[in-house]
Amino acid sequence: MKSLSQIRSDKTAVNLFSRIAGVVLLMFIASAPAAVAQIYTFTFTGNDGIDATGTITVSGGVATSGSINVINVPLEAPPHTPLTTASGDLLTAGGDVRNHDGDVITYDTVANPLNDPVFDGTGVCFASGFYGYDGGTPEYNALINIWGNGPGSYGMFIGEANVDGNGNVIGDAQWVYVYNETGTMTFTLNPVPEPATLGLVSAGLLGLLALRRRKA
């Protein structure tokens, strides 16, 4: 027969485990939306040698964040060399956006890695060098738009204005305008172990709690 002090000790331990398990379960529930979001590394291989790599986070068929870096970009003006690079962060508002040289792009944030192509015909847009608004339209220095043409086929547009320190356009645009640089893309899912690890911890604590209650 257990003494009164032993019974009180067992109850204290059970209450402690109950509280810990409750807190961990609340953390697990709170992290559920993060578990839905998936981060992908992607590679665009252009048919004319303009390639890109980057990352994109997708949640519920919507691109929520990401970045891109493009290499082997020829200058627009002859002799189109030396080759340069372009980069930008994912835009998430959707709608129209323009670069500082006047080119307007309409984009959305539809992205479903289970589809082929992952992006629709409007595609996602990356940008850098925010200047402000032109008639309500966000204006950037560089724009990079990637869209889906059909199964296994993608298109990419790149445009940036060559500007001085005051933001004024200098002559022709610095980078080539690629209205349909077709190519292929690969997407690799990056593992996100945190939610799964938290689930294992929760299960372990609940198991210990169950054993404590059975012994009591």
C-alpha atoms as a PDB file:
ATOM      1  CA  MET A   1       0.000   0.000   0.000  1.00  0.00           C
ATOM      2  CA  LYS A   2       1.315   3.422  -0.969  1.00  0.00           C
ATOM      3  CA  SER A   3       1.818   6.049   1.671  1.00  0.00           C
ATOM      4  CA  LEU A   4       0.092   9.407   1.464  1.00  0.00           C
ATOM      5  CA  SER A   5       3.380  11.089   0.498  1.00  0.00           C
ATOM      6  CA  GLN A   6       3.922   8.579  -2.340  1.00  0.00           C
ATOM      7  CA  ILE A   7       0.433   9.181  -3.700  1.00  0.00           C
ATOM      8  CA  ARG A   8       0.983  12.925  -3.605  1.00  0.00           C
ATOM      9  CA  SER A   9       4.333  12.472  -5.336  1.00  0.00           C
ATOM     10  CA  ASP A  10       2.755  10.378  -8.094  1.00  0.00           C
ATOM     11  CA  LYS A  11       0.009  12.973  -8.614  1.00  0.00           C
ATOM     12  CA  THR A  12       2.585  15.739  -8.811  1.00  0.00           C
ATOM     13  CA  ALA A  13       4.544  13.797 -11.450  1.00  0.00           C
ATOM     14  CA  VAL A  14       1.403  13.079 -13.458  1.00  0.00           C
ATOM     15  CA  ASN A  15       0.363  16.732 -13.316  1.00  0.00           C
ATOM     16  CA  LEU A  16       3.852  17.800 -14.415  1.00  0.00           C
ATOM     17  CA  PHE A  17       3.861  15.423 -17.377  1.00  0.00           C
ATOM     18  CA  SER A  18       0.322  16.504 -18.252  1.00  0.00           C
ATOM     19  CA  ARG A  19       1.352  20.136 -18.344  1.00  0.00           C
ATOM     20  CA  ILE A  20       4.488  19.457 -20.382  1.00  0.00           C
ATOM     21  CA  ALA A  21       2.596  17.278 -22.845  1.00  0.00           C
ATOM     22  CA  GLY A  22      -0.113  19.915 -23.136  1.00  0.00           C
ATOM     23  CA  VAL A  23       2.403  22.648 -23.928  1.00  0.00           C
ATOM     24  CA  VAL A  24       4.179  20.496 -26.515  1.00  0.00           C
ATOM     25  CA  LEU A  25       0.887  19.569 -28.172  1.00  0.00           C
ATOM     26  CA  LEU A  26      -0.071  23.243 -28.372  1.00  0.00           C
ATOM     27  CA  MET A  27       3.304  23.956 -29.982  1.00  0.00           C
ATOM     28  CA  PHE A  28       2.723  21.144 -32.448  1.00  0.00           C
ATOM     29  CA  ILE A  29      -0.728  22.469 -33.359  1.00  0.00           C
ATOM     30  CA  ALA A  30       0.656  25.988 -33.756  1.00  0.00           C
ATOM     31  CA  SER A  31       3.360  24.700 -36.091  1.00  0.00           C
ATOM     32  CA  ALA A  32       0.870  22.864 -38.344  1.00  0.00           C
ATOM     33  CA  PRO A  33       0.702  25.668 -40.965  1.00  0.00           C
ATOM     34  CA  ALA A  34       4.504  25.607 -41.204  1.00  0.00           C
ATOM     35  CA  ALA A  35       4.362  21.899 -41.885  1.00  0.00           C
ATOM     36  CA  VAL A  36       2.094  22.562 -44.874  1.00  0.00           C
ATOM     37  CA  ALA A  37       4.542  25.039 -46.449  1.00  0.00           C
ATOM     38  CA  GLN A  38       7.194  23.327 -48.565  1.00  0.00           C
ATOM     39  CA  ILE A  39      10.478  24.831 -49.707  1.00  0.00           C
ATOM     40  CA  TYR A  40      11.804  23.844 -53.126  1.00  0.00           C
ATOM     41  CA  THR A  41      15.126  24.414 -54.807  1.00  0.00           C
ATOM     42  CA  PHE A  42      14.670  24.933 -58.537  1.00  0.00           C
ATOM     43  CA  THR A  43      16.879  25.083 -61.604  1.00  0.00           C
ATOM     44  CA  PHE A  44      15.932  26.655 -64.925  1.00  0.00           C
ATOM     45  CA  THR A  45      17.983  25.484 -67.901  1.00  0.00           C
ATOM     46  CA  GLY A  46      17.503  27.780 -70.871  1.00  0.00           C
ATOM     47  CA  ASN A  47      17.652  26.566 -74.439  1.00  0.00           C
ATOM     48  CA  ASP A  48      19.854  29.563 -75.345  1.00  0.00           C
ATOM     49  CA  GLY A  49      22.192  29.203 -72.368  1.00  0.00           C
ATOM     50  CA  ILE A  50      20.518  31.573 -69.898  1.00  0.00           C
ATOM     51  CA  ASP A  51      20.221  29.535 -66.702  1.00  0.00           C
ATOM     52  CA  ALA A  52      18.761  30.257 -63.272  1.00  0.00           C
ATOM     53  CA  THR A  53      18.685  28.748 -59.800  1.00  0.00           C
ATOM     54  CA  GLY A  54      16.732  29.666 -56.709  1.00  0.00           C
ATOM     55  CA  THR A  55      14.339  28.654 -53.977  1.00  0.00           C
ATOM     56  CA  ILE A  56      10.584  29.012 -53.651  1.00  0.00           C
ATOM     57  CA  THR A  57       8.227  28.317 -50.757  1.00  0.00           C
ATOM     58  CA  VAL A  58       4.815  26.921 -51.736  1.00  0.00           C
ATOM     59  CA  SER A  59       1.796  26.616 -49.451  1.00  0.00           C
ATOM     60  CA  GLY A  60      -1.634  25.525 -50.650  1.00  0.00           C
ATOM     61  CA  GLY A  61      -0.767  26.019 -54.312  1.00  0.00           C
ATOM     62  CA  VAL A  62       0.542  29.553 -53.725  1.00  0.00           C
ATOM     63  CA  ALA A  63       4.131  30.790 -53.864  1.00  0.00           C
ATOM     64  CA  THR A  64       4.758  32.738 -50.660  1.00  0.00           C
ATOM     65  CA  SER A  65       8.472  33.581 -50.804  1.00  0.00           C
ATOM     66  CA  GLY A  66      11.630  32.859 -52.773  1.00  0.00           C
ATOM     67  CA  SER A  67      14.598  34.226 -54.650  1.00  0.00           C
ATOM     68  CA  ILE A  68      16.341  33.697 -57.968  1.00  0.00           C
ATOM     69  CA  ASN A  69      19.763  34.172 -59.529  1.00  0.00           C
ATOM     70  CA  VAL A  70      20.210  34.136 -63.310  1.00  0.00           C
ATOM     71  CA  ILE A  71      23.534  33.671 -65.085  1.00  0.00           C
ATOM     72  CA  ASN A  72      24.794  34.015 -68.661  1.00  0.00           C
ATOM     73  CA  VAL A  73      22.622  37.068 -69.339  1.00  0.00           C
ATOM     74  CA  PRO A  74      23.869  38.941 -72.447  1.00  0.00           C
ATOM     75  CA  LEU A  75      23.755  42.719 -72.624  1.00  0.00           C
ATOM     76  CA  GLU A  76      21.052  44.085 -74.872  1.00  0.00           C
ATOM     77  CA  ALA A  77      23.301  46.405 -76.838  1.00  0.00           C
ATOM     78  CA  PRO A  78      25.768  44.906 -79.359  1.00  0.00           C
ATOM     79  CA  PRO A  79      28.078  43.074 -79.071  1.00  0.00           C
ATOM     80  CA  HIS A  80      25.893  41.657 -76.247  1.00  0.00           C
ATOM     81  CA  THR A  81      28.922  40.937 -74.086  1.00  0.00           C
ATOM     82  CA  PRO A  82      30.203  40.538 -71.472  1.00  0.00           C
ATOM     83  CA  LEU A  83      27.615  38.174 -70.042  1.00  0.00           C
ATOM     84  CA  THR A  84      26.159  39.347 -66.754  1.00  0.00           C
ATOM     85  CA  THR A  85      23.804  38.155 -64.012  1.00  0.00           C
ATOM     86  CA  ALA A  86      20.371  39.051 -62.692  1.00  0.00           C
ATOM     87  CA  SER A  87      18.696  38.403 -59.356  1.00  0.00           C
ATOM     88  CA  GLY A  88      15.561  39.191 -57.384  1.00  0.00           C
ATOM     89  CA  ASP A  89      13.141  38.222 -54.639  1.00  0.00           C
ATOM     90  CA  LEU A  90       9.681  36.772 -55.196  1.00  0.00           C
ATOM     91  CA  LEU A  91       6.794  39.249 -55.451  1.00  0.00           C
ATOM     92  CA  THR A  92       3.637  38.091 -53.675  1.00  0.00           C
ATOM     93  CA  ALA A  93       0.967  40.754 -54.287  1.00  0.00           C
ATOM     94  CA  GLY A  94       0.037  39.652 -57.832  1.00  0.00           C
ATOM     95  CA  GLY A  95      -1.110  41.954 -60.625  1.00  0.00           C
ATOM     96  CA  ASP A  96       0.964  44.416 -62.644  1.00  0.00           C
ATOM     97  CA  VAL A  97       4.542  45.460 -61.971  1.00  0.00           C
ATOM     98  CA  ARG A  98       6.975  47.449 -64.097  1.00  0.00           C
ATOM     99  CA  ASN A  99      10.681  48.036 -64.326  1.00  0.00           C
ATOM    100  CA  HIS A 100      12.316  51.453 -64.413  1.00  0.00           C
ATOM    101  CA  ASP A 101      12.577  51.311 -68.200  1.00  0.00           C
ATOM    102  CA  GLY A 102       8.801  51.035 -68.671  1.00  0.00           C
ATOM    103  CA  ASP A 103       8.223  47.302 -69.249  1.00  0.00           C
ATOM    104  CA  VAL A 104       5.072  46.046 -67.532  1.00  0.00           C
ATOM    105  CA  ILE A 105       4.606  42.428 -66.402  1.00  0.00           C
ATOM    106  CA  THR A 106       1.392  40.846 -65.150  1.00  0.00           C
ATOM    107  CA  TYR A 107       2.043  37.996 -62.737  1.00  0.00           C
ATOM    108  CA  ASP A 108       0.343  35.826 -60.148  1.00  0.00           C
ATOM    109  CA  THR A 109       1.567  33.506 -57.395  1.00  0.00           C
ATOM    110  CA  VAL A 110       0.085  30.197 -58.572  1.00  0.00           C
ATOM    111  CA  ALA A 111       2.571  27.359 -58.011  1.00  0.00           C
ATOM    112  CA  ASN A 112       1.792  23.680 -57.626  1.00  0.00           C
ATOM    113  CA  PRO A 113       4.793  21.296 -57.701  1.00  0.00           C
ATOM    114  CA  LEU A 114       2.407  18.404 -58.391  1.00  0.00           C
ATOM    115  CA  ASN A 115       1.482  19.957 -61.749  1.00  0.00           C
ATOM    116  CA  ASP A 116       3.468  19.986 -64.984  1.00  0.00           C
ATOM    117  CA  PRO A 117       4.264  22.796 -65.469  1.00  0.00           C
ATOM    118  CA  VAL A 118       4.445  24.019 -61.880  1.00  0.00           C
ATOM    119  CA  PHE A 119       3.570  27.619 -62.871  1.00  0.00           C
ATOM    120  CA  ASP A 120       0.621  28.718 -64.999  1.00  0.00           C
ATOM    121  CA  GLY A 121       0.804  30.791 -68.169  1.00  0.00           C
ATOM    122  CA  THR A 122       1.090  34.072 -66.241  1.00  0.00           C
ATOM    123  CA  GLY A 123       3.813  32.851 -63.954  1.00  0.00           C
ATOM    124  CA  VAL A 124       5.589  34.200 -60.907  1.00  0.00           C
ATOM    125  CA  CYS A 125       7.783  37.282 -60.792  1.00  0.00           C
ATOM    126  CA  PHE A 126      11.020  38.144 -58.998  1.00  0.00           C
ATOM    127  CA  ALA A 127      12.274  41.712 -58.645  1.00  0.00           C
ATOM    128  CA  SER A 128      15.024  43.854 -57.152  1.00  0.00           C
ATOM    129  CA  GLY A 129      15.735  47.559 -56.804  1.00  0.00           C
ATOM    130  CA  PHE A 130      12.356  48.936 -55.678  1.00  0.00           C
ATOM    131  CA  TYR A 131      11.858  52.605 -56.654  1.00  0.00           C
ATOM    132  CA  GLY A 132       8.282  53.331 -55.637  1.00  0.00           C
ATOM    133  CA  TYR A 133       4.991  53.493 -57.514  1.00  0.00           C
ATOM    134  CA  ASP A 134       4.141  54.738 -60.989  1.00  0.00           C
ATOM    135  CA  GLY A 135       0.418  55.442 -61.134  1.00  0.00           C
ATOM    136  CA  GLY A 136      -0.159  52.814 -58.457  1.00  0.00           C
ATOM    137  CA  THR A 137       2.010  50.197 -60.174  1.00  0.00           C
ATOM    138  CA  PRO A 138       5.064  49.021 -58.195  1.00  0.00           C
ATOM    139  CA  GLU A 139       8.278  49.902 -60.000  1.00  0.00           C
ATOM    140  CA  TYR A 140      11.585  48.038 -59.771  1.00  0.00           C
ATOM    141  CA  ASN A 141      14.898  48.167 -61.543  1.00  0.00           C
ATOM    142  CA  ALA A 142      15.015  44.459 -62.449  1.00  0.00           C
ATOM    143  CA  LEU A 143      12.196  42.025 -63.236  1.00  0.00           C
ATOM    144  CA  ILE A 144      12.425  38.272 -63.810  1.00  0.00           C
ATOM    145  CA  ASN A 145       9.238  36.467 -64.842  1.00  0.00           C
ATOM    146  CA  ILE A 146       8.999  32.653 -65.152  1.00  0.00           C
ATOM    147  CA  TRP A 147       5.882  30.937 -66.476  1.00  0.00           C
ATOM    148  CA  GLY A 148       4.745  27.560 -67.753  1.00  0.00           C
ATOM    149  CA  ASN A 149       4.286  26.946 -71.481  1.00  0.00           C
ATOM    150  CA  GLY A 150       3.176  23.334 -71.147  1.00  0.00           C
ATOM    151  CA  PRO A 151       4.404  20.002 -69.793  1.00  0.00           C
ATOM    152  CA  GLY A 152       8.171  20.162 -69.319  1.00  0.00           C
ATOM    153  CA  SER A 153       8.438  23.633 -70.893  1.00  0.00           C
ATOM    154  CA  TYR A 154       8.916  27.039 -69.291  1.00  0.00           C
ATOM    155  CA  GLY A 155       9.548  30.587 -70.416  1.00  0.00           C
ATOM    156  CA  MET A 156      11.564  33.368 -68.797  1.00  0.00           C
ATOM    157  CA  PHE A 157      11.644  37.155 -69.232  1.00  0.00           C
ATOM    158  CA  ILE A 158      14.476  39.304 -67.871  1.00  0.00           C
ATOM    159  CA  GLY A 159      14.608  43.089 -68.007  1.00  0.00           C
ATOM    160  CA  GLU A 160      16.475  45.792 -66.180  1.00  0.00           C
ATOM    161  CA  ALA A 161      17.074  49.471 -66.871  1.00  0.00           C
ATOM    162  CA  ASN A 162      20.589  50.853 -66.760  1.00  0.00           C
ATOM    163  CA  VAL A 163      20.298  53.747 -64.306  1.00  0.00           C
ATOM    164  CA  ASP A 164      22.598  56.307 -62.736  1.00  0.00           C
ATOM    165  CA  GLY A 165      22.939  57.088 -59.031  1.00  0.00           C
ATOM    166  CA  ASN A 166      19.836  59.268 -59.136  1.00  0.00           C
ATOM    167  CA  GLY A 167      17.653  56.550 -60.659  1.00  0.00           C
ATOM    168  CA  ASN A 168      17.598  58.077 -64.138  1.00  0.00           C
ATOM    169  CA  VAL A 169      17.633  55.734 -67.144  1.00  0.00           C
ATOM    170  CA  ILE A 170      20.890  55.904 -69.102  1.00  0.00           C
ATOM    171  CA  GLY A 171      20.414  55.083 -72.781  1.00  0.00           C
ATOM    172  CA  ASP A 172      19.356  51.542 -73.605  1.00  0.00           C
ATOM    173  CA  ALA A 173      18.505  48.956 -70.993  1.00  0.00           C
ATOM    174  CA  GLN A 174      21.581  47.250 -69.594  1.00  0.00           C
ATOM    175  CA  TRP A 175      20.267  43.691 -69.815  1.00  0.00           C
ATOM    176  CA  VAL A 176      18.786  41.751 -72.667  1.00  0.00           C
ATOM    177  CA  TYR A 177      15.011  41.395 -72.832  1.00  0.00           C
ATOM    178  CA  VAL A 178      14.201  37.696 -73.054  1.00  0.00           C
ATOM    179  CA  TYR A 179      10.578  37.528 -74.077  1.00  0.00           C
ATOM    180  CA  ASN A 180      10.557  33.785 -74.499  1.00  0.00           C
ATOM    181  CA  GLU A 181      13.755  32.152 -73.307  1.00  0.00           C
ATOM    182  CA  THR A 182      12.286  28.670 -73.265  1.00  0.00           C
ATOM    183  CA  GLY A 183      13.778  25.962 -71.134  1.00  0.00           C
ATOM    184  CA  THR A 184      13.175  23.235 -68.611  1.00  0.00           C
ATOM    185  CA  MET A 185      12.944  23.303 -64.828  1.00  0.00           C
ATOM    186  CA  THR A 186      13.626  20.861 -62.029  1.00  0.00           C
ATOM    187  CA  PHE A 187      12.231  21.155 -58.515  1.00  0.00           C
ATOM    188  CA  THR A 188      13.740  19.478 -55.446  1.00  0.00           C
ATOM    189  CA  LEU A 189      11.876  19.440 -52.134  1.00  0.00           C
ATOM    190  CA  ASN A 190      14.001  20.593 -49.203  1.00  0.00           C
ATOM    191  CA  PRO A 191      13.356  18.555 -46.038  1.00  0.00           C
ATOM    192  CA  VAL A 192      11.878  20.474 -43.102  1.00  0.00           C
ATOM    193  CA  PRO A 193      12.367  18.175 -40.086  1.00  0.00           C
ATOM    194  CA  GLU A 194      11.213  20.489 -37.292  1.00  0.00           C
ATOM    195  CA  PRO A 195       7.456  19.658 -37.296  1.00  0.00           C
ATOM    196  CA  ALA A 196       8.153  15.915 -37.509  1.00  0.00           C
ATOM    197  CA  THR A 197      10.659  16.104 -34.674  1.00  0.00           C
ATOM    198  CA  LEU A 198       8.185  18.010 -32.550  1.00  0.00           C
ATOM    199  CA  GLY A 199       5.578  15.344 -33.251  1.00  0.00           C
ATOM    200  CA  LEU A 200       7.933  12.618 -32.031  1.00  0.00           C
ATOM    201  CA  VAL A 201       8.627  14.549 -28.842  1.00  0.00           C
ATOM    202  CA  SER A 202       4.897  14.964 -28.276  1.00  0.00           C
ATOM    203  CA  ALA A 203       4.279  11.253 -28.802  1.00  0.00           C
ATOM    204  CA  GLY A 204       7.084  10.370 -26.396  1.00  0.00           C
ATOM    205  CA  LEU A 205       5.744  12.629 -23.673  1.00  0.00           C
ATOM    206  CA  LEU A 206       2.252  11.275 -24.090  1.00  0.00           C
ATOM    207  CA  GLY A 207       3.645   7.747 -23.826  1.00  0.00           C
ATOM    208  CA  LEU A 208       5.452   8.583 -20.599  1.00  0.00           C
ATOM    209  CA  LEU A 209       2.291  10.181 -19.274  1.00  0.00           C
ATOM    210  CA  ALA A 210       0.304   7.037 -20.057  1.00  0.00           C
ATOM    211  CA  LEU A 211       2.848   4.845 -18.261  1.00  0.00           C
ATOM    212  CA  ARG A 212       2.776   7.111 -15.231  1.00  0.00           C
ATOM    213  CA  ARG A 213      -0.991   6.901 -15.031  1.00  0.00           C
ATOM    214  CA  ARG A 214      -0.994   3.110 -15.333  1.00  0.00           C
ATOM    215  CA  LYS A 215       1.584   2.785 -12.532  1.00  0.00           C
ATOM    216  CA  ALA A 216      -0.438   5.118 -10.342  1.00  0.00           C
END
